Amino acid sequence: MQLGVSRDQVEIRILDKGRKGFLGFLGSRPAIVEVTVNKALDLIEEAVAVKSDPIEEVVSAQKDPIEEAVSYVKGIIREMNLDVTVEKSVKGREVKLTLSGEQVALLIGKRGSTLNAIQYLTQLVVNRSTKQYINIMIDAENYREKRRGTLESLAQRLAKQVFNTKKKVILEPMPSFERKVIHQALSHHPHVITTSEGAEPHRHVVISPK
């Protein structure tokens, strides 16, 4: 079956390794695998199509980009048929949208991938019609704070590895606010330095020995 996606867009889990069988075919049993398309990557790819999307007319007509952000996120939730509510908190041009509800975990995804994708798209949509950049943060079940703690611990562990091996470490792609956590955690480290490389949404942190 053709899924129309690349290998890095799916997760593969082997359910049954199968059996080769006598003489290579008698009594053989095919392997059974479960292939799951990464929905977060699907969402990010849809950002490419935003420029020609009918949403452009809606955004242009909206005078309040913050309300447009709320409306856009609610639209995604509605399309996913989830019972999740959205609450906003605004400080200047910093906007935090908090998602809550029994099904909210479905909007977080593996290591926050779905949550990050929704946040990435929301920022693209909102900032196409603004003169000053609006920073959108989307959170659910206090995931961002928990993730911060995880990243800080990861940064220290990898810094120790880099110091011991004298070899740089390349982290997985992260959104800018997560990369910032890594940079801040190691900003005063005596033995390593951090840099960001690559282009969004695949930009990543590199930890190198000094």
N, C-alpha and C. Protein backbone atom coordinates (compact mmCIF):
# COMPACT_ATOMS: atom_id res chain seq x y z
N MET A 1 0.85 -1.20 0.00
CA MET A 1 0.00 0.00 0.00
C MET A 1 0.88 1.24 0.00
N GLN A 2 0.59 2.20 -0.85
CA GLN A 2 1.35 3.44 -0.94
C GLN A 2 0.74 4.48 -0.01
N LEU A 3 1.53 5.02 0.92
CA LEU A 3 1.03 6.03 1.86
C LEU A 3 1.28 7.44 1.36
N GLY A 4 2.18 7.58 0.39
CA GLY A 4 2.46 8.91 -0.14
C GLY A 4 3.28 9.77 0.79
N VAL A 5 4.06 9.15 1.69
CA VAL A 5 4.92 9.90 2.60
C VAL A 5 6.29 9.27 2.61
N SER A 6 7.30 10.05 3.08
CA SER A 6 8.66 9.54 3.15
C SER A 6 8.86 8.75 4.43
N ARG A 7 10.02 8.03 4.51
CA ARG A 7 10.31 7.17 5.67
C ARG A 7 10.33 7.94 6.97
N ASP A 8 10.83 9.21 6.96
CA ASP A 8 10.93 9.96 8.20
C ASP A 8 9.60 10.55 8.65
N GLN A 9 8.56 10.31 7.86
CA GLN A 9 7.25 10.82 8.23
C GLN A 9 6.37 9.74 8.87
N VAL A 10 6.94 8.56 9.06
CA VAL A 10 6.13 7.49 9.65
C VAL A 10 6.88 6.83 10.80
N GLU A 11 6.12 6.18 11.67
CA GLU A 11 6.67 5.37 12.73
C GLU A 11 6.30 3.93 12.44
N ILE A 12 7.28 3.02 12.47
CA ILE A 12 7.05 1.62 12.12
C ILE A 12 7.26 0.75 13.35
N ARG A 13 6.26 -0.10 13.64
CA ARG A 13 6.34 -1.02 14.77
C ARG A 13 6.12 -2.43 14.26
N ILE A 14 7.06 -3.35 14.51
CA ILE A 14 6.97 -4.73 14.04
C ILE A 14 6.07 -5.52 14.98
N LEU A 15 4.96 -6.03 14.43
CA LEU A 15 4.02 -6.83 15.22
C LEU A 15 4.35 -8.32 15.14
N ASP A 16 4.84 -8.77 13.97
CA ASP A 16 5.18 -10.18 13.76
C ASP A 16 6.32 -10.23 12.75
N LYS A 17 7.46 -10.82 13.13
CA LYS A 17 8.62 -10.87 12.23
C LYS A 17 8.42 -11.84 11.07
N GLY A 18 7.38 -12.69 11.16
CA GLY A 18 7.11 -13.63 10.09
C GLY A 18 8.03 -14.83 10.14
N ARG A 19 7.94 -15.69 9.11
CA ARG A 19 8.75 -16.90 9.07
C ARG A 19 9.13 -17.19 7.63
N LYS A 20 10.40 -17.55 7.41
CA LYS A 20 10.88 -17.75 6.04
C LYS A 20 10.29 -18.99 5.41
N GLY A 21 10.16 -20.10 6.14
CA GLY A 21 9.56 -21.31 5.60
C GLY A 21 10.57 -22.23 4.92
N PHE A 22 10.14 -23.46 4.71
CA PHE A 22 11.00 -24.46 4.08
C PHE A 22 11.25 -24.12 2.61
N LEU A 23 12.53 -24.22 2.19
CA LEU A 23 12.95 -23.88 0.83
C LEU A 23 12.62 -22.45 0.44
N GLY A 24 12.40 -21.63 1.46
CA GLY A 24 12.19 -20.22 1.20
C GLY A 24 10.76 -19.81 0.95
N PHE A 25 9.84 -20.80 0.77
CA PHE A 25 8.46 -20.39 0.50
C PHE A 25 7.41 -21.31 1.13
N LEU A 26 7.70 -22.61 1.35
CA LEU A 26 6.70 -23.50 1.93
C LEU A 26 6.51 -23.20 3.42
N GLY A 27 5.27 -22.94 3.79
CA GLY A 27 4.98 -22.66 5.19
C GLY A 27 5.46 -21.30 5.65
N SER A 28 5.78 -20.44 4.72
CA SER A 28 6.28 -19.11 5.09
C SER A 28 5.13 -18.23 5.59
N ARG A 29 5.49 -17.25 6.41
CA ARG A 29 4.49 -16.31 6.92
C ARG A 29 5.06 -14.91 6.80
N PRO A 30 4.34 -14.00 6.13
CA PRO A 30 4.87 -12.64 5.94
C PRO A 30 4.94 -11.88 7.26
N ALA A 31 5.87 -10.96 7.31
CA ALA A 31 5.98 -10.11 8.50
C ALA A 31 4.79 -9.14 8.54
N ILE A 32 4.40 -8.78 9.75
CA ILE A 32 3.29 -7.83 9.93
C ILE A 32 3.83 -6.61 10.65
N VAL A 33 3.65 -5.45 10.04
CA VAL A 33 4.13 -4.22 10.67
C VAL A 33 2.99 -3.22 10.77
N GLU A 34 3.10 -2.34 11.75
CA GLU A 34 2.13 -1.27 11.92
C GLU A 34 2.81 0.03 11.53
N VAL A 35 2.24 0.74 10.57
CA VAL A 35 2.82 1.99 10.08
C VAL A 35 1.89 3.13 10.44
N THR A 36 2.42 4.10 11.19
CA THR A 36 1.63 5.25 11.61
C THR A 36 2.21 6.52 11.03
N VAL A 37 1.42 7.27 10.28
CA VAL A 37 1.87 8.53 9.71
C VAL A 37 1.94 9.57 10.81
N ASN A 38 3.06 10.29 10.86
CA ASN A 38 3.25 11.33 11.86
C ASN A 38 2.37 12.53 11.53
N LYS A 39 1.29 12.71 12.29
CA LYS A 39 0.35 13.79 12.01
C LYS A 39 0.96 15.16 12.21
N ALA A 40 1.93 15.26 13.12
CA ALA A 40 2.56 16.55 13.35
C ALA A 40 3.29 17.03 12.09
N LEU A 41 3.99 16.09 11.41
CA LEU A 41 4.68 16.47 10.19
C LEU A 41 3.69 16.85 9.10
N ASP A 42 2.54 16.17 9.08
CA ASP A 42 1.51 16.53 8.12
C ASP A 42 1.07 17.97 8.33
N LEU A 43 0.89 18.35 9.59
CA LEU A 43 0.46 19.71 9.91
C LEU A 43 1.50 20.74 9.46
N ILE A 44 2.77 20.44 9.71
CA ILE A 44 3.83 21.36 9.33
C ILE A 44 3.87 21.52 7.81
N GLU A 45 3.72 20.41 7.09
CA GLU A 45 3.76 20.50 5.63
C GLU A 45 2.61 21.32 5.09
N GLU A 46 1.48 21.32 5.80
CA GLU A 46 0.35 22.10 5.35
C GLU A 46 0.64 23.59 5.40
N ALA A 47 1.66 23.97 6.18
CA ALA A 47 2.01 25.39 6.28
C ALA A 47 2.46 25.93 4.93
N VAL A 48 3.03 25.07 4.10
CA VAL A 48 3.48 25.49 2.78
C VAL A 48 2.31 25.94 1.92
N ALA A 49 1.15 25.31 2.16
CA ALA A 49 -0.04 25.63 1.36
C ALA A 49 -0.84 26.79 1.91
N VAL A 50 -0.43 27.32 3.05
CA VAL A 50 -1.20 28.39 3.69
C VAL A 50 -1.32 29.62 2.81
N LYS A 51 -0.26 29.93 2.04
CA LYS A 51 -0.26 31.16 1.24
C LYS A 51 -1.39 31.19 0.22
N SER A 52 -1.82 30.02 -0.26
CA SER A 52 -2.89 29.98 -1.23
C SER A 52 -4.18 29.46 -0.62
N ASP A 53 -4.22 29.43 0.70
CA ASP A 53 -5.37 28.90 1.42
C ASP A 53 -6.42 29.97 1.60
N PRO A 54 -7.72 29.60 1.63
CA PRO A 54 -8.79 30.58 1.87
C PRO A 54 -8.63 31.31 3.20
N ILE A 55 -7.80 30.73 4.11
CA ILE A 55 -7.58 31.38 5.40
C ILE A 55 -7.01 32.77 5.22
N GLU A 56 -6.28 32.98 4.11
CA GLU A 56 -5.64 34.28 3.86
C GLU A 56 -6.68 35.39 3.86
N GLU A 57 -7.83 35.14 3.24
CA GLU A 57 -8.87 36.16 3.19
C GLU A 57 -9.44 36.42 4.58
N VAL A 58 -9.55 35.35 5.36
CA VAL A 58 -10.10 35.49 6.71
C VAL A 58 -9.15 36.32 7.58
N VAL A 59 -7.83 36.00 7.47
CA VAL A 59 -6.84 36.71 8.27
C VAL A 59 -6.83 38.19 7.92
N SER A 60 -6.91 38.50 6.66
CA SER A 60 -6.88 39.89 6.22
C SER A 60 -8.08 40.66 6.74
N ALA A 61 -9.20 39.95 6.86
CA ALA A 61 -10.42 40.61 7.31
C ALA A 61 -10.45 40.79 8.83
N GLN A 62 -9.65 40.02 9.54
CA GLN A 62 -9.64 40.10 10.99
C GLN A 62 -8.80 41.29 11.46
N LYS A 63 -9.35 42.09 12.36
CA LYS A 63 -8.62 43.22 12.91
C LYS A 63 -7.84 42.83 14.16
N ASP A 64 -8.27 41.76 14.83
CA ASP A 64 -7.61 41.32 16.05
C ASP A 64 -6.88 40.00 15.81
N PRO A 65 -5.55 40.04 15.63
CA PRO A 65 -4.81 38.81 15.35
C PRO A 65 -4.84 37.80 16.50
N ILE A 66 -5.02 38.31 17.72
CA ILE A 66 -5.08 37.40 18.86
C ILE A 66 -6.35 36.55 18.80
N GLU A 67 -7.45 37.18 18.47
CA GLU A 67 -8.69 36.44 18.32
C GLU A 67 -8.61 35.48 17.13
N GLU A 68 -7.85 35.88 16.12
CA GLU A 68 -7.66 35.00 14.96
C GLU A 68 -6.88 33.75 15.37
N ALA A 69 -5.90 33.92 16.28
CA ALA A 69 -5.14 32.78 16.77
C ALA A 69 -6.05 31.80 17.49
N VAL A 70 -6.91 32.35 18.36
CA VAL A 70 -7.85 31.50 19.11
C VAL A 70 -8.79 30.78 18.14
N SER A 71 -9.29 31.52 17.17
CA SER A 71 -10.22 30.96 16.20
C SER A 71 -9.56 29.86 15.37
N TYR A 72 -8.30 30.08 15.00
CA TYR A 72 -7.59 29.11 14.18
C TYR A 72 -7.37 27.80 14.94
N VAL A 73 -6.94 27.91 16.20
CA VAL A 73 -6.71 26.72 17.02
C VAL A 73 -8.02 25.97 17.27
N LYS A 74 -9.08 26.72 17.54
CA LYS A 74 -10.38 26.08 17.74
C LYS A 74 -10.82 25.35 16.48
N GLY A 75 -10.47 25.91 15.32
CA GLY A 75 -10.81 25.27 14.05
C GLY A 75 -10.11 23.92 13.90
N ILE A 76 -8.83 23.87 14.29
CA ILE A 76 -8.07 22.62 14.23
C ILE A 76 -8.70 21.58 15.16
N ILE A 77 -9.04 22.02 16.37
CA ILE A 77 -9.66 21.12 17.35
C ILE A 77 -10.99 20.60 16.83
N ARG A 78 -11.73 21.48 16.20
CA ARG A 78 -13.03 21.08 15.66
C ARG A 78 -12.87 20.06 14.54
N GLU A 79 -11.86 20.27 13.67
CA GLU A 79 -11.62 19.33 12.58
C GLU A 79 -11.18 17.97 13.09
N MET A 80 -10.50 17.95 14.25
CA MET A 80 -10.07 16.69 14.85
C MET A 80 -11.17 16.06 15.70
N ASN A 81 -12.29 16.78 15.80
CA ASN A 81 -13.46 16.28 16.53
C ASN A 81 -13.13 15.96 17.99
N LEU A 82 -12.45 16.89 18.65
CA LEU A 82 -12.05 16.70 20.04
C LEU A 82 -12.80 17.67 20.95
N ASP A 83 -13.06 17.22 22.17
CA ASP A 83 -13.72 18.04 23.17
C ASP A 83 -12.65 18.73 24.02
N VAL A 84 -12.12 19.82 23.49
CA VAL A 84 -11.03 20.55 24.15
C VAL A 84 -11.35 22.04 24.12
N THR A 85 -11.09 22.71 25.24
CA THR A 85 -11.35 24.15 25.33
C THR A 85 -10.04 24.93 25.21
N VAL A 86 -10.16 26.22 24.83
CA VAL A 86 -9.00 27.08 24.64
C VAL A 86 -9.16 28.34 25.49
N GLU A 87 -8.16 28.60 26.33
CA GLU A 87 -8.15 29.83 27.13
C GLU A 87 -6.93 30.65 26.74
N LYS A 88 -7.11 31.98 26.67
CA LYS A 88 -5.99 32.83 26.25
C LYS A 88 -5.49 33.69 27.40
N SER A 89 -4.19 34.01 27.34
CA SER A 89 -3.56 34.91 28.29
C SER A 89 -2.64 35.81 27.49
N VAL A 90 -2.80 37.13 27.62
CA VAL A 90 -2.06 38.07 26.79
C VAL A 90 -1.21 39.03 27.63
N LYS A 91 0.07 39.12 27.30
CA LYS A 91 0.98 40.09 27.91
C LYS A 91 1.72 40.80 26.77
N GLY A 92 1.23 41.99 26.42
CA GLY A 92 1.82 42.70 25.29
C GLY A 92 1.62 41.92 24.02
N ARG A 93 2.71 41.55 23.37
CA ARG A 93 2.63 40.76 22.14
C ARG A 93 3.00 39.30 22.39
N GLU A 94 2.94 38.90 23.64
CA GLU A 94 3.14 37.50 24.03
C GLU A 94 1.76 36.90 24.32
N VAL A 95 1.39 35.89 23.57
CA VAL A 95 0.07 35.28 23.73
C VAL A 95 0.23 33.80 24.08
N LYS A 96 -0.41 33.41 25.17
CA LYS A 96 -0.39 32.00 25.58
C LYS A 96 -1.80 31.44 25.46
N LEU A 97 -1.92 30.33 24.74
CA LEU A 97 -3.19 29.64 24.61
C LEU A 97 -3.08 28.31 25.36
N THR A 98 -3.95 28.11 26.32
CA THR A 98 -3.91 26.90 27.14
C THR A 98 -5.07 25.99 26.75
N LEU A 99 -4.74 24.76 26.39
CA LEU A 99 -5.74 23.78 25.99
C LEU A 99 -6.05 22.86 27.16
N SER A 100 -7.32 22.54 27.35
CA SER A 100 -7.70 21.65 28.44
C SER A 100 -8.90 20.81 28.04
N GLY A 101 -9.03 19.66 28.70
CA GLY A 101 -10.12 18.74 28.40
C GLY A 101 -9.62 17.31 28.49
N GLU A 102 -10.54 16.37 28.58
CA GLU A 102 -10.18 14.97 28.74
C GLU A 102 -9.38 14.42 27.55
N GLN A 103 -9.56 14.99 26.37
CA GLN A 103 -8.88 14.49 25.17
C GLN A 103 -7.66 15.31 24.78
N VAL A 104 -7.23 16.19 25.67
CA VAL A 104 -6.16 17.13 25.31
C VAL A 104 -4.83 16.43 25.02
N ALA A 105 -4.62 15.25 25.58
CA ALA A 105 -3.36 14.53 25.35
C ALA A 105 -3.15 14.23 23.87
N LEU A 106 -4.24 14.10 23.11
CA LEU A 106 -4.14 13.82 21.68
C LEU A 106 -3.55 15.00 20.92
N LEU A 107 -3.59 16.18 21.53
CA LEU A 107 -3.05 17.38 20.89
C LEU A 107 -1.61 17.65 21.29
N ILE A 108 -1.06 16.84 22.17
CA ILE A 108 0.33 17.01 22.57
C ILE A 108 1.25 16.21 21.65
N GLY A 109 0.95 14.93 21.49
CA GLY A 109 1.75 14.10 20.60
C GLY A 109 3.08 13.67 21.22
N LYS A 110 3.83 12.87 20.48
CA LYS A 110 5.11 12.37 20.94
C LYS A 110 6.10 13.51 21.10
N ARG A 111 6.62 13.67 22.32
CA ARG A 111 7.55 14.76 22.66
C ARG A 111 7.01 16.12 22.22
N GLY A 112 5.68 16.27 22.29
CA GLY A 112 5.07 17.56 21.98
C GLY A 112 5.00 17.89 20.51
N SER A 113 5.21 16.89 19.64
CA SER A 113 5.30 17.15 18.19
C SER A 113 4.02 17.77 17.62
N THR A 114 2.85 17.25 18.03
CA THR A 114 1.60 17.79 17.52
C THR A 114 1.35 19.20 18.05
N LEU A 115 1.62 19.39 19.33
CA LEU A 115 1.45 20.70 19.96
C LEU A 115 2.35 21.73 19.29
N ASN A 116 3.59 21.34 19.02
CA ASN A 116 4.54 22.25 18.36
C ASN A 116 4.10 22.59 16.94
N ALA A 117 3.54 21.59 16.23
CA ALA A 117 3.09 21.82 14.86
C ALA A 117 1.93 22.80 14.82
N ILE A 118 0.99 22.63 15.74
CA ILE A 118 -0.16 23.54 15.81
C ILE A 118 0.31 24.95 16.15
N GLN A 119 1.25 25.06 17.07
CA GLN A 119 1.78 26.36 17.46
C GLN A 119 2.51 27.01 16.28
N TYR A 120 3.29 26.24 15.55
CA TYR A 120 4.03 26.74 14.39
C TYR A 120 3.09 27.30 13.33
N LEU A 121 2.04 26.54 13.02
CA LEU A 121 1.08 26.98 12.02
C LEU A 121 0.30 28.21 12.47
N THR A 122 -0.06 28.24 13.74
CA THR A 122 -0.81 29.38 14.28
C THR A 122 0.00 30.65 14.17
N GLN A 123 1.30 30.58 14.46
CA GLN A 123 2.16 31.76 14.34
C GLN A 123 2.28 32.20 12.89
N LEU A 124 2.35 31.26 11.96
CA LEU A 124 2.42 31.62 10.55
C LEU A 124 1.17 32.37 10.11
N VAL A 125 0.02 31.85 10.49
CA VAL A 125 -1.25 32.45 10.09
C VAL A 125 -1.42 33.84 10.70
N VAL A 126 -1.16 33.95 11.98
CA VAL A 126 -1.38 35.22 12.69
C VAL A 126 -0.43 36.31 12.22
N ASN A 127 0.83 35.99 12.01
CA ASN A 127 1.83 37.01 11.72
C ASN A 127 1.92 37.41 10.25
N ARG A 128 1.12 36.80 9.40
CA ARG A 128 1.12 37.23 8.01
C ARG A 128 0.49 38.60 7.82
N SER A 129 -0.35 39.00 8.77
CA SER A 129 -1.07 40.26 8.60
C SER A 129 -0.74 41.28 9.69
N THR A 130 0.37 41.08 10.42
CA THR A 130 0.73 42.00 11.49
C THR A 130 2.03 42.72 11.16
N LYS A 131 2.17 43.94 11.64
CA LYS A 131 3.39 44.71 11.43
C LYS A 131 4.44 44.37 12.48
N GLN A 132 3.99 44.02 13.69
CA GLN A 132 4.89 43.62 14.76
C GLN A 132 4.64 42.15 15.08
N TYR A 133 5.73 41.42 15.25
CA TYR A 133 5.62 39.98 15.46
C TYR A 133 4.89 39.64 16.76
N ILE A 134 3.95 38.71 16.67
CA ILE A 134 3.23 38.22 17.85
C ILE A 134 3.72 36.81 18.16
N ASN A 135 4.20 36.61 19.36
CA ASN A 135 4.70 35.30 19.77
C ASN A 135 3.56 34.47 20.37
N ILE A 136 3.30 33.32 19.76
CA ILE A 136 2.22 32.45 20.22
C ILE A 136 2.82 31.26 20.96
N MET A 137 2.35 31.03 22.18
CA MET A 137 2.74 29.84 22.94
C MET A 137 1.48 29.03 23.21
N ILE A 138 1.49 27.77 22.82
CA ILE A 138 0.35 26.90 23.07
C ILE A 138 0.77 25.81 24.03
N ASP A 139 0.01 25.66 25.12
CA ASP A 139 0.35 24.70 26.17
C ASP A 139 -0.84 23.81 26.48
N ALA A 140 -0.55 22.64 27.05
CA ALA A 140 -1.59 21.70 27.44
C ALA A 140 -1.05 20.84 28.58
N GLU A 141 -1.83 20.70 29.63
CA GLU A 141 -1.44 19.89 30.80
C GLU A 141 -0.08 20.29 31.34
N ASN A 142 0.23 21.58 31.30
CA ASN A 142 1.51 22.11 31.79
C ASN A 142 2.71 21.44 31.11
N TYR A 143 2.51 21.04 29.87
CA TYR A 143 3.55 20.32 29.14
C TYR A 143 4.83 21.15 28.98
N ARG A 144 4.68 22.43 28.72
CA ARG A 144 5.85 23.27 28.45
C ARG A 144 6.82 23.31 29.64
N GLU A 145 6.27 23.45 30.84
CA GLU A 145 7.13 23.51 32.03
C GLU A 145 7.80 22.16 32.29
N LYS A 146 7.04 21.09 32.09
CA LYS A 146 7.61 19.75 32.26
C LYS A 146 8.71 19.52 31.23
N ARG A 147 8.49 19.96 30.03
CA ARG A 147 9.46 19.81 28.96
C ARG A 147 10.72 20.61 29.24
N ARG A 148 10.55 21.80 29.85
CA ARG A 148 11.70 22.62 30.20
C ARG A 148 12.63 21.85 31.15
N GLY A 149 12.05 21.22 32.16
CA GLY A 149 12.86 20.45 33.10
C GLY A 149 13.58 19.30 32.42
N THR A 150 12.89 18.64 31.50
CA THR A 150 13.49 17.53 30.76
C THR A 150 14.65 18.01 29.90
N LEU A 151 14.47 19.15 29.24
CA LEU A 151 15.52 19.69 28.36
C LEU A 151 16.73 20.16 29.15
N GLU A 152 16.50 20.76 30.30
CA GLU A 152 17.62 21.22 31.13
C GLU A 152 18.46 20.04 31.60
N SER A 153 17.80 18.96 31.99
CA SER A 153 18.52 17.75 32.41
C SER A 153 19.28 17.15 31.23
N LEU A 154 18.63 17.13 30.06
CA LEU A 154 19.26 16.60 28.86
C LEU A 154 20.49 17.41 28.50
N ALA A 155 20.40 18.72 28.60
CA ALA A 155 21.51 19.61 28.26
C ALA A 155 22.74 19.30 29.12
N GLN A 156 22.53 19.15 30.40
CA GLN A 156 23.65 18.88 31.31
C GLN A 156 24.26 17.50 31.05
N ARG A 157 23.41 16.53 30.75
CA ARG A 157 23.90 15.18 30.49
C ARG A 157 24.73 15.14 29.20
N LEU A 158 24.24 15.82 28.17
CA LEU A 158 24.96 15.83 26.90
C LEU A 158 26.23 16.66 26.98
N ALA A 159 26.20 17.72 27.78
CA ALA A 159 27.41 18.54 27.96
C ALA A 159 28.52 17.70 28.59
N LYS A 160 28.14 16.87 29.53
CA LYS A 160 29.13 15.97 30.17
C LYS A 160 29.68 14.98 29.15
N GLN A 161 28.80 14.48 28.27
CA GLN A 161 29.22 13.55 27.23
C GLN A 161 30.20 14.22 26.26
N VAL A 162 29.88 15.44 25.87
CA VAL A 162 30.75 16.17 24.94
C VAL A 162 32.11 16.43 25.57
N PHE A 163 32.12 16.79 26.83
CA PHE A 163 33.38 17.06 27.54
C PHE A 163 34.25 15.80 27.61
N ASN A 164 33.59 14.66 27.89
CA ASN A 164 34.34 13.40 28.04
C ASN A 164 34.86 12.86 26.70
N THR A 165 34.05 12.99 25.66
CA THR A 165 34.43 12.41 24.36
C THR A 165 35.15 13.39 23.44
N LYS A 166 35.03 14.69 23.75
CA LYS A 166 35.59 15.75 22.91
C LYS A 166 34.95 15.76 21.51
N LYS A 167 33.73 15.24 21.40
CA LYS A 167 33.01 15.21 20.14
C LYS A 167 31.67 15.95 20.29
N LYS A 168 31.32 16.70 19.27
CA LYS A 168 30.07 17.45 19.32
C LYS A 168 28.86 16.52 19.26
N VAL A 169 27.74 17.02 19.77
CA VAL A 169 26.48 16.28 19.75
C VAL A 169 25.44 17.13 19.03
N ILE A 170 24.73 16.51 18.09
CA ILE A 170 23.67 17.19 17.35
C ILE A 170 22.32 16.72 17.89
N LEU A 171 21.51 17.64 18.39
CA LEU A 171 20.22 17.29 18.93
C LEU A 171 19.17 17.22 17.83
N GLU A 172 18.03 16.65 18.14
CA GLU A 172 16.93 16.58 17.19
C GLU A 172 16.36 17.98 16.95
N PRO A 173 15.69 18.22 15.83
CA PRO A 173 15.09 19.54 15.58
C PRO A 173 14.12 19.93 16.69
N MET A 174 14.16 21.20 17.07
CA MET A 174 13.30 21.72 18.13
C MET A 174 12.78 23.09 17.74
N PRO A 175 11.62 23.48 18.27
CA PRO A 175 11.14 24.85 18.05
C PRO A 175 12.05 25.83 18.79
N SER A 176 12.00 27.09 18.43
CA SER A 176 12.94 28.09 18.95
C SER A 176 12.94 28.19 20.48
N PHE A 177 11.74 28.11 21.09
CA PHE A 177 11.70 28.28 22.55
C PHE A 177 12.34 27.09 23.27
N GLU A 178 12.35 25.91 22.65
CA GLU A 178 13.01 24.75 23.26
C GLU A 178 14.53 24.85 23.07
N ARG A 179 14.94 25.33 21.90
CA ARG A 179 16.38 25.54 21.68
C ARG A 179 16.92 26.57 22.66
N LYS A 180 16.10 27.57 22.95
CA LYS A 180 16.51 28.60 23.89
C LYS A 180 16.77 28.02 25.28
N VAL A 181 15.98 27.04 25.68
CA VAL A 181 16.18 26.39 26.99
C VAL A 181 17.55 25.73 27.04
N ILE A 182 17.93 25.03 25.95
CA ILE A 182 19.24 24.38 25.89
C ILE A 182 20.36 25.41 25.95
N HIS A 183 20.23 26.47 25.15
CA HIS A 183 21.25 27.52 25.13
C HIS A 183 21.43 28.14 26.52
N GLN A 184 20.32 28.46 27.17
CA GLN A 184 20.39 29.09 28.49
C GLN A 184 20.99 28.14 29.53
N ALA A 185 20.62 26.87 29.45
CA ALA A 185 21.11 25.89 30.44
C ALA A 185 22.63 25.74 30.37
N LEU A 186 23.21 25.94 29.18
CA LEU A 186 24.65 25.74 29.02
C LEU A 186 25.41 27.03 28.71
N SER A 187 24.74 28.17 28.89
CA SER A 187 25.36 29.45 28.55
C SER A 187 26.63 29.76 29.34
N HIS A 188 26.72 29.26 30.56
CA HIS A 188 27.91 29.53 31.39
C HIS A 188 28.73 28.27 31.64
N HIS A 189 28.51 27.26 30.82
CA HIS A 189 29.24 26.00 31.01
C HIS A 189 30.72 26.22 30.65
N PRO A 190 31.63 25.74 31.49
CA PRO A 190 33.05 26.01 31.25
C PRO A 190 33.69 25.20 30.13
N HIS A 191 33.02 24.13 29.67
CA HIS A 191 33.68 23.24 28.72
C HIS A 191 32.97 23.07 27.38
N VAL A 192 31.76 23.59 27.22
CA VAL A 192 31.05 23.41 25.94
C VAL A 192 30.42 24.72 25.48
N ILE A 193 30.10 24.77 24.20
CA ILE A 193 29.36 25.90 23.63
C ILE A 193 28.18 25.33 22.82
N THR A 194 27.15 26.13 22.64
CA THR A 194 25.99 25.69 21.87
C THR A 194 25.73 26.64 20.70
N THR A 195 25.28 26.06 19.60
CA THR A 195 24.89 26.84 18.43
C THR A 195 23.61 26.24 17.84
N SER A 196 22.89 27.04 17.09
CA SER A 196 21.72 26.54 16.37
C SER A 196 22.05 26.49 14.89
N GLU A 197 21.69 25.39 14.24
CA GLU A 197 21.98 25.21 12.82
C GLU A 197 20.75 24.70 12.08
N GLY A 198 20.72 24.89 10.76
CA GLY A 198 19.61 24.42 9.95
C GLY A 198 18.52 25.46 9.80
N ALA A 199 17.51 25.13 9.03
CA ALA A 199 16.39 26.04 8.77
C ALA A 199 15.12 25.49 9.39
N GLU A 200 14.23 26.39 9.80
CA GLU A 200 12.95 25.99 10.36
C GLU A 200 12.14 25.20 9.33
N PRO A 201 11.38 24.19 9.73
CA PRO A 201 11.18 23.74 11.12
C PRO A 201 12.17 22.66 11.54
N HIS A 202 13.31 22.56 10.86
CA HIS A 202 14.28 21.51 11.17
C HIS A 202 15.53 22.07 11.86
N ARG A 203 15.46 23.28 12.37
CA ARG A 203 16.60 23.90 13.05
C ARG A 203 16.88 23.15 14.36
N HIS A 204 18.15 22.95 14.65
CA HIS A 204 18.53 22.13 15.80
C HIS A 204 19.72 22.72 16.54
N VAL A 205 19.95 22.24 17.75
CA VAL A 205 21.05 22.70 18.58
C VAL A 205 22.24 21.75 18.42
N VAL A 206 23.42 22.33 18.38
CA VAL A 206 24.66 21.55 18.36
C VAL A 206 25.48 21.93 19.59
N ILE A 207 25.87 20.93 20.36
CA ILE A 207 26.70 21.15 21.55
C ILE A 207 28.12 20.71 21.20
N SER A 208 29.07 21.63 21.29
CA SER A 208 30.45 21.35 20.88
C SER A 208 31.42 21.65 22.02
N PRO A 209 32.57 20.96 22.03
CA PRO A 209 33.58 21.28 23.07
C PRO A 209 34.21 22.62 22.80
N LYS A 210 34.59 23.34 23.86
CA LYS A 210 35.25 24.63 23.68
C LYS A 210 36.70 24.41 23.23
